[in-house]
Amino acid sequence: MRKVPALLLCGIIAFSMLQTGSAKADSKKIVGSPKLAVLVDGRKVKFQGGDPVSENGRVQVPLRGIGEALGAKVAFSGKSVSYQKAGKSIELTLGSREAAVDGKIVTMDAEAKAVKGRTYVPLRFVSENLGEAVSWDQVGNWVWIGNQKVPDITEVTKLQKIESYKNYFHGAEDMLVAIDKKFTDVRVVSHETMPTYFKEITFLNMWMVTDSENYGVRVRYKGPKKLVMYFLSGNGDIRSRTGHIIEQSDGTKIAQFRIKSPGDNVIYQDKNWKNYSIKNIDYFFFPPYLEDDSIHLISNPFK
């Protein structure tokens, strides 16, 4: 497939932008939302054996996972669950709304319960009674516990040499240069790594959306008013997309990127553009800033 130089791409991506933000597309109902997640001090919690669930506006999580994430000592015997941390204690009983907090009986607004054979506990109750602040992120479908400081990319990724990834930029090596700086290293961000902070952009989350005919990726972020993302495939196929920006009331932005576009027929001379899908993409790429220590790739979590 013919490569298009990065500078030329910036001048012709307007065509694909028209496809993404067309009135026809905007008139259709878009379905898809971010996955429910729990973050402790800005880090996403990976629960073993089960994901968080929401029932009647109450988030429930696996009993041991949340205790360990909060640094509490967890004990479980029969139908009883206990947590101890920094002089605070909680005792719960499966199927009951009564709990003992520091020895005093209180009533919870949701009971500990069995979900698919595993014991789940009410997230807010456990977290707050262990001394942690809890807040609900409506836009992101996240629960923030503790501080909300997003970690820098250097804190959550390892620096790797670019050699193993050069095939993705075959014929477009100028994309590895910012002004007169040529990057020789790469950092790979996974979906589990998010949220993370780059030099000028805070990437919060990614998820898939569809209007029943077309599919797209939404990226929630803080940063510039315009966001350009490149789709990278292992055969050196690079495709540029400009995000259709949706401003959010909390100050974040959501950029919507269409997966397949008729513009690829013109820009990349791809006669088979209708068969292009999310599974063709290995990484998402955002051009580096001069101050960065590496280029940044986001591995595709939707393959």
Protein backbone atom coordinates (compact mmCIF):
# COMPACT_ATOMS: atom_id res chain seq x y z
CA MET A 1 0.00 0.00 0.00
CA ARG A 2 1.33 3.46 -0.90
CA LYS A 3 2.57 5.48 2.07
CA VAL A 4 1.56 9.11 2.56
CA PRO A 5 4.11 11.45 4.20
CA ALA A 6 3.08 12.78 7.59
CA LEU A 7 3.04 16.42 6.51
CA LEU A 8 0.78 15.63 3.58
CA LEU A 9 -1.53 13.69 5.86
CA CYS A 10 -2.17 16.78 7.94
CA GLY A 11 -3.50 18.53 4.85
CA ILE A 12 -5.80 15.77 3.63
CA ILE A 13 -7.28 14.29 6.80
CA ALA A 14 -10.07 16.86 6.50
CA PHE A 15 -11.73 14.47 4.05
CA SER A 16 -11.95 11.70 6.64
CA MET A 17 -13.04 14.25 9.24
CA LEU A 18 -16.05 15.12 7.08
CA GLN A 19 -16.93 11.45 7.01
CA THR A 20 -16.63 11.18 10.78
CA GLY A 21 -18.59 14.28 11.66
CA SER A 22 -21.22 14.18 8.92
CA ALA A 23 -24.80 15.18 9.63
CA LYS A 24 -25.94 11.73 8.57
CA ALA A 25 -23.71 10.05 11.14
CA ASP A 26 -24.68 12.51 13.89
CA SER A 27 -28.40 11.83 13.33
CA LYS A 28 -28.02 8.16 14.23
CA LYS A 29 -28.06 6.84 17.75
CA ILE A 30 -24.54 5.96 18.89
CA VAL A 31 -24.28 2.98 21.22
CA GLY A 32 -21.31 2.16 23.42
CA SER A 33 -20.01 3.29 26.79
CA PRO A 34 -16.83 2.99 28.83
CA LYS A 35 -16.46 -0.10 30.97
CA LEU A 36 -17.11 0.29 34.69
CA ALA A 37 -13.79 0.60 36.51
CA VAL A 38 -12.38 1.38 39.95
CA LEU A 39 -9.29 3.53 40.44
CA VAL A 40 -7.27 3.78 43.65
CA ASP A 41 -4.94 6.80 43.80
CA GLY A 42 -5.16 7.17 40.02
CA ARG A 43 -4.36 3.53 39.23
CA LYS A 44 -6.92 1.17 37.72
CA VAL A 45 -7.65 -1.84 39.92
CA LYS A 46 -7.52 -5.21 38.18
CA PHE A 47 -9.80 -7.54 40.09
CA GLN A 48 -9.01 -11.24 40.02
CA GLY A 49 -11.95 -13.51 39.32
CA GLY A 50 -14.55 -10.87 38.52
CA ASP A 51 -15.21 -7.31 37.35
CA PRO A 52 -17.03 -4.58 39.28
CA VAL A 53 -20.82 -4.60 38.87
CA SER A 54 -23.41 -1.88 39.34
CA GLU A 55 -26.89 -2.55 40.69
CA ASN A 56 -29.42 0.17 41.46
CA GLY A 57 -26.67 2.78 41.39
CA ARG A 58 -24.48 0.87 43.85
CA VAL A 59 -21.10 -0.51 42.79
CA GLN A 60 -20.12 -3.93 44.14
CA VAL A 61 -16.62 -5.38 43.91
CA PRO A 62 -14.87 -8.67 44.80
CA LEU A 63 -14.18 -8.65 48.52
CA ARG A 64 -10.49 -9.50 48.46
CA GLY A 65 -9.52 -7.33 45.50
CA ILE A 66 -10.72 -4.08 46.98
CA GLY A 67 -9.21 -4.85 50.37
CA GLU A 68 -5.80 -5.51 48.89
CA ALA A 69 -6.02 -2.42 46.66
CA LEU A 70 -6.69 -0.29 49.74
CA GLY A 71 -3.89 -1.90 51.71
CA ALA A 72 -6.21 -3.55 54.22
CA LYS A 73 -5.87 -6.94 55.91
CA VAL A 74 -8.71 -9.15 54.66
CA ALA A 75 -10.23 -12.19 56.36
CA PHE A 76 -13.06 -14.34 55.04
CA SER A 77 -14.71 -17.25 56.81
CA GLY A 78 -18.08 -18.77 55.96
CA LYS A 79 -20.42 -15.82 55.41
CA SER A 80 -18.27 -13.33 57.32
CA VAL A 81 -15.85 -10.79 55.82
CA SER A 82 -13.56 -8.49 57.80
CA TYR A 83 -11.20 -5.65 56.91
CA GLN A 84 -8.58 -4.00 59.10
CA LYS A 85 -6.48 -0.98 58.22
CA ALA A 86 -4.71 1.64 60.33
CA GLY A 87 -6.81 0.97 63.43
CA LYS A 88 -10.10 0.82 61.51
CA SER A 89 -12.16 -2.34 61.23
CA ILE A 90 -15.20 -3.49 59.24
CA GLU A 91 -17.13 -6.74 59.60
CA LEU A 92 -19.73 -7.76 57.02
CA THR A 93 -22.03 -10.76 56.72
CA LEU A 94 -23.05 -12.15 53.35
CA GLY A 95 -26.74 -11.42 52.68
CA SER A 96 -27.10 -8.87 55.50
CA ARG A 97 -27.22 -5.07 55.45
CA GLU A 98 -25.92 -4.86 58.98
CA ALA A 99 -22.21 -4.32 59.48
CA ALA A 100 -19.91 -3.60 62.37
CA VAL A 101 -17.67 -0.56 61.91
CA ASP A 102 -15.08 -0.21 64.67
CA GLY A 103 -17.34 -2.37 66.78
CA LYS A 104 -20.52 -0.34 66.19
CA ILE A 105 -23.50 -1.80 64.28
CA VAL A 106 -24.53 0.25 61.24
CA THR A 107 -26.94 -0.34 58.33
CA MET A 108 -25.59 -0.35 54.80
CA ASP A 109 -27.58 0.74 51.73
CA ALA A 110 -26.46 -2.45 49.92
CA GLU A 111 -25.60 -5.88 51.25
CA ALA A 112 -22.61 -8.08 50.60
CA LYS A 113 -23.76 -10.74 48.18
CA ALA A 114 -22.75 -13.65 45.99
CA VAL A 115 -22.21 -12.82 42.30
CA LYS A 116 -21.46 -15.78 40.03
CA GLY A 117 -20.16 -17.79 42.97
CA ARG A 118 -17.94 -15.01 44.34
CA THR A 119 -18.53 -12.68 47.27
CA TYR A 120 -18.98 -9.03 46.37
CA VAL A 121 -19.07 -6.12 48.83
CA PRO A 122 -20.39 -2.53 48.51
CA LEU A 123 -17.45 -0.47 47.29
CA ARG A 124 -18.31 2.94 48.76
CA PHE A 125 -19.15 1.59 52.21
CA VAL A 126 -15.93 -0.39 52.54
CA SER A 127 -13.71 2.36 51.11
CA GLU A 128 -15.12 5.26 53.11
CA ASN A 129 -15.10 3.31 56.37
CA LEU A 130 -11.44 2.51 55.80
CA GLY A 131 -10.80 6.25 55.59
CA GLU A 132 -10.70 6.77 51.82
CA ALA A 133 -12.47 9.49 49.81
CA VAL A 134 -14.79 8.13 47.12
CA SER A 135 -16.23 9.98 44.11
CA TRP A 136 -18.26 8.91 41.08
CA ASP A 137 -17.11 9.89 37.59
CA GLN A 138 -20.32 9.94 35.52
CA VAL A 139 -18.63 10.62 32.18
CA GLY A 140 -15.97 7.95 32.56
CA ASN A 141 -18.13 5.36 34.37
CA TRP A 142 -15.38 5.21 36.98
CA VAL A 143 -15.16 5.23 40.76
CA TRP A 144 -12.23 7.27 42.03
CA ILE A 145 -10.89 6.27 45.47
CA GLY A 146 -8.24 8.28 47.28
CA ASN A 147 -6.41 10.95 45.29
CA GLN A 148 -7.16 11.55 41.62
CA LYS A 149 -3.61 12.29 40.47
CA VAL A 150 -3.07 10.66 37.08
CA PRO A 151 0.36 8.99 36.81
CA ASP A 152 2.88 10.14 34.21
CA ILE A 153 3.59 7.71 31.39
CA THR A 154 7.12 7.23 32.75
CA GLU A 155 5.62 5.83 35.97
CA VAL A 156 3.50 3.12 34.34
CA THR A 157 5.54 2.00 31.30
CA LYS A 158 9.04 0.81 30.52
CA LEU A 159 11.37 2.39 27.99
CA GLN A 160 11.98 0.07 25.02
CA LYS A 161 14.19 0.35 21.94
CA ILE A 162 12.34 1.33 18.77
CA GLU A 163 13.82 -1.49 16.64
CA SER A 164 11.03 -3.97 17.41
CA TYR A 165 8.42 -1.44 16.25
CA LYS A 166 10.11 0.10 13.20
CA ASN A 167 8.12 -2.06 10.78
CA TYR A 168 5.01 -0.09 11.75
CA PHE A 169 6.63 3.07 10.38
CA HIS A 170 8.13 1.59 7.21
CA GLY A 171 8.15 4.29 4.57
CA ALA A 172 7.08 6.94 7.08
CA GLU A 173 10.16 7.27 9.27
CA ASP A 174 9.65 11.03 9.45
CA MET A 175 6.88 10.32 11.95
CA LEU A 176 9.59 9.34 14.43
CA VAL A 177 11.04 12.84 14.34
CA ALA A 178 9.94 15.98 16.23
CA ILE A 179 11.61 19.05 14.71
CA ASP A 180 15.26 17.88 14.65
CA LYS A 181 14.97 15.16 17.29
CA LYS A 182 14.86 11.54 16.13
CA PHE A 183 13.31 9.18 18.65
CA THR A 184 15.04 5.85 19.30
CA ASP A 185 12.83 4.58 22.12
CA VAL A 186 9.17 3.72 22.61
CA ARG A 187 6.72 3.40 25.49
CA VAL A 188 3.69 1.14 25.08
CA VAL A 189 0.52 2.00 26.98
CA SER A 190 -2.11 -0.68 27.56
CA HIS A 191 -5.80 -0.16 28.26
CA GLU A 192 -5.13 -1.29 31.83
CA THR A 193 -2.38 1.35 32.14
CA MET A 194 -4.84 4.18 31.55
CA PRO A 195 -5.29 6.81 32.77
CA THR A 196 -1.87 8.22 32.07
CA TYR A 197 -0.35 11.61 31.41
CA PHE A 198 1.75 12.49 28.35
CA LYS A 199 3.51 15.85 28.05
CA GLU A 200 0.52 17.78 26.74
CA ILE A 201 -2.32 15.25 26.97
CA THR A 202 -3.95 13.23 29.73
CA PHE A 203 -5.40 10.04 28.24
CA LEU A 204 -8.17 8.78 30.46
CA ASN A 205 -9.94 5.98 28.62
CA MET A 206 -10.89 4.36 25.29
CA TRP A 207 -13.97 2.44 24.23
CA MET A 208 -15.82 1.27 21.12
CA VAL A 209 -19.03 2.82 19.76
CA THR A 210 -21.35 2.06 16.83
CA ASP A 211 -24.36 3.58 15.08
CA SER A 212 -25.34 0.08 13.84
CA GLU A 213 -23.59 0.64 10.49
CA ASN A 214 -20.24 2.18 11.37
CA TYR A 215 -17.80 1.54 14.21
CA GLY A 216 -15.57 3.99 15.98
CA VAL A 217 -13.23 4.50 18.91
CA ARG A 218 -13.82 7.15 21.52
CA VAL A 219 -10.93 8.59 23.51
CA ARG A 220 -11.61 10.60 26.64
CA TYR A 221 -8.80 13.03 27.36
CA LYS A 222 -7.69 16.42 28.65
CA GLY A 223 -5.67 18.52 26.28
CA PRO A 224 -5.78 20.22 22.87
CA LYS A 225 -8.97 21.07 21.02
CA LYS A 226 -7.86 18.96 18.06
CA LEU A 227 -6.64 15.39 18.29
CA VAL A 228 -5.12 13.35 15.46
CA MET A 229 -4.64 9.61 15.89
CA TYR A 230 -2.91 7.12 13.61
CA PHE A 231 -3.90 3.47 13.21
CA LEU A 232 -0.85 1.20 12.85
CA SER A 233 -0.88 -2.30 11.37
CA GLY A 234 1.96 -4.80 11.30
CA ASN A 235 2.34 -4.58 7.52
CA GLY A 236 3.31 -0.90 7.68
CA ASP A 237 -0.23 0.30 7.00
CA ILE A 238 -0.64 3.74 8.63
CA ARG A 239 -4.00 5.51 8.58
CA SER A 240 -4.72 8.95 9.95
CA ARG A 241 -7.95 9.99 11.64
CA THR A 242 -8.94 13.36 13.06
CA GLY A 243 -11.22 13.14 16.06
CA HIS A 244 -14.71 14.62 16.15
CA ILE A 245 -14.48 16.44 19.49
CA ILE A 246 -17.28 16.35 22.06
CA GLU A 247 -16.78 18.76 24.96
CA GLN A 248 -17.81 17.44 28.39
CA SER A 249 -19.25 19.40 31.33
CA ASP A 250 -16.38 18.28 33.61
CA GLY A 251 -13.74 19.89 31.39
CA THR A 252 -12.66 16.68 29.67
CA LYS A 253 -13.10 16.00 25.95
CA ILE A 254 -14.17 12.95 24.01
CA ALA A 255 -12.63 12.47 20.57
CA GLN A 256 -14.50 10.12 18.26
CA PHE A 257 -12.52 8.36 15.51
CA ARG A 258 -14.17 6.42 12.73
CA ILE A 259 -12.57 3.03 12.02
CA LYS A 260 -13.22 2.64 8.31
CA SER A 261 -13.62 5.59 6.01
CA PRO A 262 -14.32 5.95 2.28
CA GLY A 263 -11.52 8.50 2.31
CA ASP A 264 -9.05 5.61 2.55
CA ASN A 265 -9.89 4.77 -1.05
CA VAL A 266 -8.55 8.18 -2.13
CA ILE A 267 -5.85 8.86 0.44
CA TYR A 268 -4.35 5.37 0.72
CA GLN A 269 -5.58 3.91 -2.58
CA ASP A 270 -7.28 1.11 -0.66
CA LYS A 271 -9.99 -0.35 -2.86
CA ASN A 272 -10.79 -2.79 -0.07
CA TRP A 273 -11.47 -0.08 2.53
CA LYS A 274 -14.94 -1.44 3.38
CA ASN A 275 -13.33 -4.53 4.93
CA TYR A 276 -11.00 -2.54 7.17
CA SER A 277 -11.87 -3.15 10.84
CA ILE A 278 -10.67 -2.58 14.39
CA LYS A 279 -8.98 -6.00 14.26
CA ASN A 280 -6.59 -4.73 11.57
CA ILE A 281 -5.10 -2.27 14.06
CA ASP A 282 -2.19 -3.26 16.31
CA TYR A 283 -1.44 0.11 17.88
CA PHE A 284 -2.80 3.63 18.14
CA PHE A 285 -0.15 6.33 17.70
CA PHE A 286 -0.05 10.00 18.64
CA PRO A 287 2.81 12.16 17.33
CA PRO A 288 5.47 12.86 20.01
CA TYR A 289 6.42 16.22 21.45
CA LEU A 290 10.01 17.45 21.44
CA GLU A 291 10.15 17.14 25.25
CA ASP A 292 9.14 13.45 25.21
CA ASP A 293 11.76 10.78 25.87
CA SER A 294 10.14 8.37 23.40
CA ILE A 295 7.28 7.83 21.00
CA HIS A 296 4.06 6.55 22.55
CA LEU A 297 1.96 3.64 21.33
CA ILE A 298 -1.34 2.46 22.76
CA SER A 299 -1.92 -1.26 22.23
CA ASN A 300 -5.29 -2.11 20.71
CA PRO A 301 -7.52 -3.63 23.43
CA PHE A 302 -10.36 -4.36 20.98
CA LYS A 303 -8.71 -7.04 18.79
